[in-house]
C-alpha atoms as a PDB file:
ATOM      1  CA  MET A   1       3.763 -10.055 -23.814  1.00  0.00           C
ATOM      2  CA  GLU A   2       1.057  -7.607 -25.293  1.00  0.00           C
ATOM      3  CA  ARG A   3       1.417  -4.424 -26.524  1.00  0.00           C
ATOM      4  CA  VAL A   4      -0.588  -1.485 -25.746  1.00  0.00           C
ATOM      5  CA  LYS A   5      -1.036   1.239 -28.230  1.00  0.00           C
ATOM      6  CA  LEU A   6      -1.810   4.643 -26.216  1.00  0.00           C
ATOM      7  CA  VAL A   7      -2.766   7.613 -28.440  1.00  0.00           C
ATOM      8  CA  VAL A   8      -1.617  10.790 -27.172  1.00  0.00           C
ATOM      9  CA  LYS A   9      -1.821  14.636 -28.114  1.00  0.00           C
ATOM     10  CA  GLU A  10       0.765  17.170 -28.065  1.00  0.00           C
ATOM     11  CA  ARG A  11       0.136  20.027 -26.161  1.00  0.00           C
ATOM     12  CA  SER A  12       1.569  23.760 -26.038  1.00  0.00           C
ATOM     13  CA  GLU A  13       0.087  25.436 -23.646  1.00  0.00           C
ATOM     14  CA  THR A  14       0.787  24.472 -19.960  1.00  0.00           C
ATOM     15  CA  GLY A  15      -0.103  26.379 -16.452  1.00  0.00           C
ATOM     16  CA  THR A  16      -3.290  25.838 -14.173  1.00  0.00           C
ATOM     17  CA  ARG A  17      -5.830  27.231 -16.756  1.00  0.00           C
ATOM     18  CA  ALA A  18      -4.959  25.325 -19.628  1.00  0.00           C
ATOM     19  CA  VAL A  19      -4.995  21.979 -17.534  1.00  0.00           C
ATOM     20  CA  ARG A  20      -8.529  22.801 -15.960  1.00  0.00           C
ATOM     21  CA  ARG A  21      -9.779  23.041 -19.434  1.00  0.00           C
ATOM     22  CA  LEU A  22      -7.793  19.689 -20.648  1.00  0.00           C
ATOM     23  CA  ARG A  23      -9.753  17.848 -17.367  1.00  0.00           C
ATOM     24  CA  ARG A  24     -13.245  19.390 -18.346  1.00  0.00           C
ATOM     25  CA  ASP A  25     -12.961  17.982 -22.004  1.00  0.00           C
ATOM     26  CA  GLY A  26     -11.769  14.584 -20.442  1.00  0.00           C
ATOM     27  CA  LEU A  27      -8.189  14.566 -21.020  1.00  0.00           C
ATOM     28  CA  ILE A  28      -5.441  13.835 -18.977  1.00  0.00           C
ATOM     29  CA  PRO A  29      -2.563  15.993 -18.600  1.00  0.00           C
ATOM     30  CA  GLY A  30       0.850  14.476 -18.595  1.00  0.00           C
ATOM     31  CA  VAL A  31       4.507  14.319 -19.832  1.00  0.00           C
ATOM     32  CA  LEU A  32       6.475  11.924 -21.990  1.00  0.00           C
ATOM     33  CA  TYR A  33      10.408  12.031 -20.851  1.00  0.00           C
ATOM     34  CA  GLY A  34      13.058  10.289 -22.832  1.00  0.00           C
ATOM     35  CA  ALA A  35      16.297  10.490 -24.097  1.00  0.00           C
ATOM     36  CA  GLY A  36      17.018  13.663 -22.392  1.00  0.00           C
ATOM     37  CA  LYS A  37      13.848  15.595 -23.498  1.00  0.00           C
ATOM     38  CA  SER A  38      10.049  15.508 -22.417  1.00  0.00           C
ATOM     39  CA  ALA A  39       7.156  16.637 -24.222  1.00  0.00           C
ATOM     40  CA  ALA A  40       3.835  17.810 -22.907  1.00  0.00           C
ATOM     41  CA  VAL A  41       1.096  15.571 -23.793  1.00  0.00           C
ATOM     42  CA  ALA A  42      -2.655  14.849 -23.174  1.00  0.00           C
ATOM     43  CA  VAL A  43      -4.658  11.254 -23.576  1.00  0.00           C
ATOM     44  CA  GLU A  44      -8.443  10.943 -23.517  1.00  0.00           C
ATOM     45  CA  ALA A  45      -9.193   9.506 -19.885  1.00  0.00           C
ATOM     46  CA  HIS A  46     -11.233   6.183 -21.469  1.00  0.00           C
ATOM     47  CA  ALA A  47      -8.439   5.334 -23.408  1.00  0.00           C
ATOM     48  CA  LEU A  48      -6.142   5.503 -20.438  1.00  0.00           C
ATOM     49  CA  ARG A  49      -8.396   3.172 -18.375  1.00  0.00           C
ATOM     50  CA  GLU A  50      -8.303   0.541 -21.532  1.00  0.00           C
ATOM     51  CA  ALA A  51      -4.452   0.738 -21.303  1.00  0.00           C
ATOM     52  CA  MET A  52      -4.433  -0.093 -17.710  1.00  0.00           C
ATOM     53  CA  SER A  53      -7.008  -2.781 -17.846  1.00  0.00           C
ATOM     54  CA  THR A  54      -4.784  -5.482 -19.078  1.00  0.00           C
ATOM     55  CA  GLY A  55      -2.977  -8.443 -17.225  1.00  0.00           C
ATOM     56  CA  ALA A  56      -0.025  -6.242 -16.336  1.00  0.00           C
ATOM     57  CA  GLY A  57      -2.176  -3.412 -15.358  1.00  0.00           C
ATOM     58  CA  ARG A  58      -0.094   0.080 -14.748  1.00  0.00           C
ATOM     59  CA  HIS A  59       3.118  -2.006 -15.798  1.00  0.00           C
ATOM     60  CA  ALA A  60       1.804  -2.514 -19.172  1.00  0.00           C
ATOM     61  CA  VAL A  61       4.462  -1.654 -22.135  1.00  0.00           C
ATOM     62  CA  LEU A  62       2.980   1.014 -24.059  1.00  0.00           C
ATOM     63  CA  ASP A  63       3.351   2.074 -27.641  1.00  0.00           C
ATOM     64  CA  VAL A  64       2.835   5.420 -27.312  1.00  0.00           C
ATOM     65  CA  VAL A  65       1.736   7.294 -30.474  1.00  0.00           C
ATOM     66  CA  PHE A  66       1.303  11.397 -30.939  1.00  0.00           C
ATOM     67  CA  GLU A  67      -1.890  12.127 -32.472  1.00  0.00           C
ATOM     68  CA  GLY A  68      -1.236  12.319 -36.699  1.00  0.00           C
ATOM     69  CA  LYS A  69       2.041  10.666 -36.531  1.00  0.00           C
ATOM     70  CA  LYS A  70       3.099   6.632 -37.088  1.00  0.00           C
ATOM     71  CA  ARG A  71       6.003   6.618 -34.685  1.00  0.00           C
ATOM     72  CA  ALA A  72       5.631   4.628 -31.825  1.00  0.00           C
ATOM     73  CA  HIS A  73       7.489   5.163 -28.247  1.00  0.00           C
ATOM     74  CA  THR A  74       7.823   2.379 -26.374  1.00  0.00           C
ATOM     75  CA  ALA A  75       6.944   3.515 -22.710  1.00  0.00           C
ATOM     76  CA  ILE A  76       5.758   2.855 -19.377  1.00  0.00           C
ATOM     77  CA  ILE A  77       3.820   4.515 -16.577  1.00  0.00           C
ATOM     78  CA  GLN A  78       6.418   6.037 -14.353  1.00  0.00           C
ATOM     79  CA  ASP A  79       3.970   8.136 -12.406  1.00  0.00           C
ATOM     80  CA  LEU A  80       0.128   8.691 -11.881  1.00  0.00           C
ATOM     81  CA  GLU A  81      -0.980  11.368  -9.853  1.00  0.00           C
ATOM     82  CA  LEU A  82      -4.306  10.843  -7.990  1.00  0.00           C
ATOM     83  CA  ASP A  83      -7.282  13.323  -7.310  1.00  0.00           C
ATOM     84  CA  LYS A  84      -7.404  13.153  -3.183  1.00  0.00           C
ATOM     85  CA  VAL A  85     -11.376  13.067  -3.138  1.00  0.00           C
ATOM     86  CA  LYS A  86     -12.721  11.686  -6.263  1.00  0.00           C
ATOM     87  CA  HIS A  87      -9.375   9.228  -6.620  1.00  0.00           C
ATOM     88  CA  THR A  88      -9.225   9.987 -10.226  1.00  0.00           C
ATOM     89  CA  ILE A  89      -6.338  10.184 -12.388  1.00  0.00           C
ATOM     90  CA  VAL A  90      -5.495  14.043 -12.592  1.00  0.00           C
ATOM     91  CA  HIS A  91      -1.791  13.577 -14.207  1.00  0.00           C
ATOM     92  CA  ILE A  92       0.623  11.083 -15.571  1.00  0.00           C
ATOM     93  CA  ASP A  93       3.882  10.700 -16.155  1.00  0.00           C
ATOM     94  CA  LEU A  94       4.881   8.407 -19.248  1.00  0.00           C
ATOM     95  CA  HIS A  95       8.810   7.168 -19.223  1.00  0.00           C
ATOM     96  CA  GLU A  96      10.424   6.016 -22.740  1.00  0.00           C
ATOM     97  CA  ILE A  97      12.136   2.822 -22.137  1.00  0.00           C
ATOM     98  CA  HIS A  98      14.328  -0.111 -23.870  1.00  0.00           C
ATOM     99  CA  LEU A  99      12.691  -3.661 -23.931  1.00  0.00           C
ATOM    100  CA  ASN A 100      16.058  -4.695 -23.517  1.00  0.00           C
ATOM    101  CA  GLU A 101      17.042  -2.386 -20.565  1.00  0.00           C
ATOM    102  CA  PRO A 102      16.304  -3.160 -17.197  1.00  0.00           C
ATOM    103  CA  ILE A 103      14.242  -0.519 -15.091  1.00  0.00           C
ATOM    104  CA  GLU A 104      13.295  -0.316 -11.278  1.00  0.00           C
ATOM    105  CA  THR A 105       9.726   0.259 -10.399  1.00  0.00           C
ATOM    106  CA  LYS A 106       7.707  -0.474  -7.308  1.00  0.00           C
ATOM    107  CA  LEU A 107       5.045  -3.291  -7.106  1.00  0.00           C
ATOM    108  CA  SER A 108       2.200  -3.659  -4.480  1.00  0.00           C
ATOM    109  CA  VAL A 109       2.367  -6.975  -2.830  1.00  0.00           C
ATOM    110  CA  HIS A 110      -1.396  -8.953  -2.628  1.00  0.00           C
ATOM    111  CA  LEU A 111      -1.842 -11.425   0.076  1.00  0.00           C
ATOM    112  CA  GLU A 112      -4.164 -14.031  -0.959  1.00  0.00           C
ATOM    113  CA  GLY A 113      -6.212 -16.047   1.540  1.00  0.00           C
ATOM    114  CA  MET A 114      -6.835 -15.888   5.634  1.00  0.00           C
ATOM    115  CA  ALA A 115      -3.734 -16.980   7.880  1.00  0.00           C
ATOM    116  CA  LYS A 116      -4.371 -19.548  10.047  1.00  0.00           C
ATOM    117  CA  GLY A 117      -3.374 -17.151  12.833  1.00  0.00           C
ATOM    118  CA  VAL A 118      -6.095 -14.879  11.973  1.00  0.00           C
ATOM    119  CA  LYS A 119      -8.802 -17.465  11.923  1.00  0.00           C
ATOM    120  CA  VAL A 120      -7.787 -18.419  15.931  1.00  0.00           C
ATOM    121  CA  GLY A 121      -7.966 -14.842  16.667  1.00  0.00           C
ATOM    122  CA  GLY A 122      -4.553 -13.454  15.540  1.00  0.00           C
ATOM    123  CA  LEU A 123      -4.146 -10.133  14.276  1.00  0.00           C
ATOM    124  CA  LEU A 124      -2.746  -9.260  10.500  1.00  0.00           C
ATOM    125  CA  ASP A 125      -0.264  -6.134  10.451  1.00  0.00           C
ATOM    126  CA  ILE A 126       0.677  -5.228   7.490  1.00  0.00           C
ATOM    127  CA  VAL A 127       3.845  -2.916   7.379  1.00  0.00           C
ATOM    128  CA  THR A 128       4.972  -3.400   3.739  1.00  0.00           C
ATOM    129  CA  HIS A 129       2.838  -2.737   1.357  1.00  0.00           C
ATOM    130  CA  GLU A 130       4.973  -2.544  -1.723  1.00  0.00           C
ATOM    131  CA  VAL A 131       8.697  -3.218  -2.748  1.00  0.00           C
ATOM    132  CA  THR A 132      11.134  -2.182  -5.286  1.00  0.00           C
ATOM    133  CA  VAL A 133      11.944  -4.741  -8.114  1.00  0.00           C
ATOM    134  CA  ARG A 134      14.633  -4.811 -11.191  1.00  0.00           C
ATOM    135  CA  GLY A 135      14.074  -6.517 -14.514  1.00  0.00           C
ATOM    136  CA  LEU A 136      13.318  -6.209 -18.204  1.00  0.00           C
ATOM    137  CA  PRO A 137       9.838  -4.302 -18.833  1.00  0.00           C
ATOM    138  CA  VAL A 138       8.517  -7.455 -20.313  1.00  0.00           C
ATOM    139  CA  ASP A 139       9.261  -9.390 -17.331  1.00  0.00           C
ATOM    140  CA  ILE A 140       7.401  -7.003 -14.687  1.00  0.00           C
ATOM    141  CA  PRO A 141       4.017  -8.165 -13.443  1.00  0.00           C
ATOM    142  CA  GLU A 142       0.752  -6.056 -12.367  1.00  0.00           C
ATOM    143  CA  HIS A 143       1.774  -7.339  -8.696  1.00  0.00           C
ATOM    144  CA  LEU A 144       3.752  -9.718  -6.434  1.00  0.00           C
ATOM    145  CA  SER A 145       1.015 -12.382  -4.942  1.00  0.00           C
ATOM    146  CA  MET A 146       1.558 -14.477  -1.825  1.00  0.00           C
ATOM    147  CA  SER A 147      -0.721 -17.127  -0.351  1.00  0.00           C
ATOM    148  CA  ILE A 148      -0.752 -16.337   3.813  1.00  0.00           C
ATOM    149  CA  GLU A 149      -2.885 -19.566   4.856  1.00  0.00           C
ATOM    150  CA  ASP A 150      -0.336 -21.307   6.713  1.00  0.00           C
ATOM    151  CA  ILE A 151       1.059 -18.299   8.540  1.00  0.00           C
ATOM    152  CA  ASP A 152       0.113 -18.655  12.182  1.00  0.00           C
ATOM    153  CA  ILE A 153       0.379 -16.296  15.223  1.00  0.00           C
ATOM    154  CA  GLY A 154       4.396 -15.303  16.089  1.00  0.00           C
ATOM    155  CA  ASP A 155       5.163 -15.811  12.280  1.00  0.00           C
ATOM    156  CA  VAL A 156       6.784 -12.711  10.660  1.00  0.00           C
ATOM    157  CA  VAL A 157       7.217 -12.909   6.934  1.00  0.00           C
ATOM    158  CA  ARG A 158      10.155 -10.864   5.442  1.00  0.00           C
ATOM    159  CA  VAL A 159      11.120  -9.573   1.878  1.00  0.00           C
ATOM    160  CA  ARG A 160      13.176 -12.678   1.095  1.00  0.00           C
ATOM    161  CA  ASP A 161      10.129 -14.597   1.945  1.00  0.00           C
ATOM    162  CA  LEU A 162       8.354 -13.525  -1.213  1.00  0.00           C
ATOM    163  CA  VAL A 163       7.937 -15.425  -4.508  1.00  0.00           C
ATOM    164  CA  VAL A 164       9.719 -12.948  -7.297  1.00  0.00           C
ATOM    165  CA  PRO A 165       8.788 -14.226 -10.633  1.00  0.00           C
ATOM    166  CA  GLU A 166      12.303 -15.366 -12.733  1.00  0.00           C
ATOM    167  CA  GLY A 167      14.029 -12.622 -14.241  1.00  0.00           C
ATOM    168  CA  LEU A 168      13.206 -10.115 -11.280  1.00  0.00           C
ATOM    169  CA  THR A 169      15.249  -8.758  -8.581  1.00  0.00           C
ATOM    170  CA  VAL A 170      14.317  -7.166  -5.072  1.00  0.00           C
ATOM    171  CA  LEU A 171      16.013  -4.407  -4.429  1.00  0.00           C
ATOM    172  CA  ASP A 172      14.902  -3.776  -0.692  1.00  0.00           C
ATOM    173  CA  ASP A 173      16.685  -5.192   2.701  1.00  0.00           C
ATOM    174  CA  PRO A 174      15.679  -8.944   2.563  1.00  0.00           C
ATOM    175  CA  GLU A 175      15.215  -8.507   6.459  1.00  0.00           C
ATOM    176  CA  GLU A 176      12.386  -5.702   5.954  1.00  0.00           C
ATOM    177  CA  THR A 177       9.136  -7.141   7.718  1.00  0.00           C
ATOM    178  CA  VAL A 178       6.258  -7.279   5.144  1.00  0.00           C
ATOM    179  CA  PHE A 179       3.901  -8.781   7.479  1.00  0.00           C
ATOM    180  CA  HIS A 180       3.336 -10.738  10.699  1.00  0.00           C
ATOM    181  CA  ILE A 181       0.644 -12.139  12.863  1.00  0.00           C
ATOM    182  CA  GLU A 182       0.159 -10.532  16.024  1.00  0.00           C
ATOM    183  CA  PRO A 183      -1.424 -12.761  19.382  1.00  0.00           C
ATOM    184  CA  PRO A 184      -5.191 -11.664  20.380  1.00  0.00           C
ATOM    185  CA  ARG A 185      -5.182  -8.645  22.270  1.00  0.00           C
ATOM    186  CA  VAL A 186      -6.753  -9.995  25.691  1.00  0.00           C
ATOM    187  CA  LEU A 187      -8.513  -7.176  27.882  1.00  0.00           C
ATOM    188  CA  GLU A 188      -6.379  -6.869  31.615  1.00  0.00           C
ATOM    189  CA  VAL A 189      -9.227  -7.104  34.012  1.00  0.00           C
ATOM    190  CA  GLU A 190      -8.033  -5.801  37.629  1.00  0.00           C
ATOM    191  CA  GLU A 191      -9.279  -8.432  40.620  1.00  0.00           C
ATOM    192  CA  VAL A 192     -11.144  -7.185  42.877  1.00  0.00           C
ATOM    193  CA  ALA A 193      -9.374  -7.276  46.444  1.00  0.00           C
ATOM    194  CA  GLU A 194     -10.509 -10.005  48.834  1.00  0.00           C
ATOM    195  CA  GLU A 195     -10.826  -7.069  51.828  1.00  0.00           C
ATOM    196  CA  GLU A 196     -12.927  -5.491  49.320  1.00  0.00           C
ATOM    197  CA  ALA A 197     -15.247  -8.222  47.854  1.00  0.00           C
ATOM    198  CA  VAL A 198     -15.710  -9.269  51.742  1.00  0.00           C
ATOM    199  CA  PRO A 199     -17.238  -7.191  54.421  1.00  0.00           C
ATOM    200  CA  ALA A 200     -15.222  -6.992  57.603  1.00  0.00           C
ATOM    201  CA  ALA A 201     -16.496  -8.930  60.724  1.00  0.00           C
ATOM    202  CA  ALA A 202     -18.276  -6.765  63.097  1.00  0.00           C
ATOM    203  CA  GLY A 203     -15.778  -6.229  65.950  1.00  0.00           C
ATOM    204  CA  GLU A 204     -15.500  -5.047  69.693  1.00  0.00           C
ATOM    205  CA  PRO A 205     -16.738  -0.990  70.143  1.00  0.00           C
ATOM    206  CA  GLU A 206     -13.424   0.975  70.260  1.00  0.00           C
ATOM    207  CA  LEU A 207     -13.081   2.284  74.120  1.00  0.00           C
ATOM    208  CA  VAL A 208     -12.217   5.757  74.672  1.00  0.00           C
ATOM    209  CA  GLY A 209      -9.175   6.301  77.607  1.00  0.00           C
ATOM    210  CA  LYS A 210      -6.439   3.692  78.673  1.00  0.00           C
ATOM    211  CA  ALA A 211      -7.339   0.427  79.645  1.00  0.00           C
ATOM    212  CA  GLY A 212      -8.089  -0.207  83.352  1.00  0.00           C
ATOM    213  CA  GLU A 213      -9.415   3.174  83.763  1.00  0.00           C
ATOM    214  CA  GLU A 214     -12.548   3.471  85.311  1.00  0.00           C
ATOM    215  CA  PRO A 215     -15.196   5.427  83.894  1.00  0.00           C
ATOM    216  CA  ALA A 216     -15.670   8.514  85.752  1.00  0.00           C
ATOM    217  CA  ALA A 217     -18.370   9.031  88.479  1.00  0.00           C
ATOM    218  CA  GLU A 218     -20.964  11.348  87.567  1.00  0.00           C
END
């Protein structure tokens, strides 16, 4: 198991102005939660990116160390807030943990390959992008992967079909749909009515008056 050291700064100032100053200086404000208390922190943006660049991604087990101190707090990233426009991290929540105690977290589901049904014109409809799992912090991967190459039109893949690493339990409804392959959508073209396509045969001119009546003499 790879442990990642993350140095943070304890911050005393809070509020919008203080947070803006931190971000201008290349720092990301955050909070470290644990043991019934919390501490406001700030972490350098590049240090956080490096901590998340391991194989575990955002689920890496972190050794959080306050600047100037030696004690390490074992923690995980509980939540990340992203800028809606730039998609950069603007706030982070860290949660102190014990390695021998299971935790609950959400894992994204990555679909690998191209489904057989898509190759023949079917449409891939993804219903669920992530699932909630429970397990020891060291057993939690960056995401769940699933090969979809053998999935054909009409097939439905549910939560119970996901391949989960040993030691993890999926907490979501096993019957919940993850994705399915829909048939190709065919445009319905109305057929032109035969009577509209073929001109009607010319008929006799219609006579005015009753049958058998002679035309009036001039």
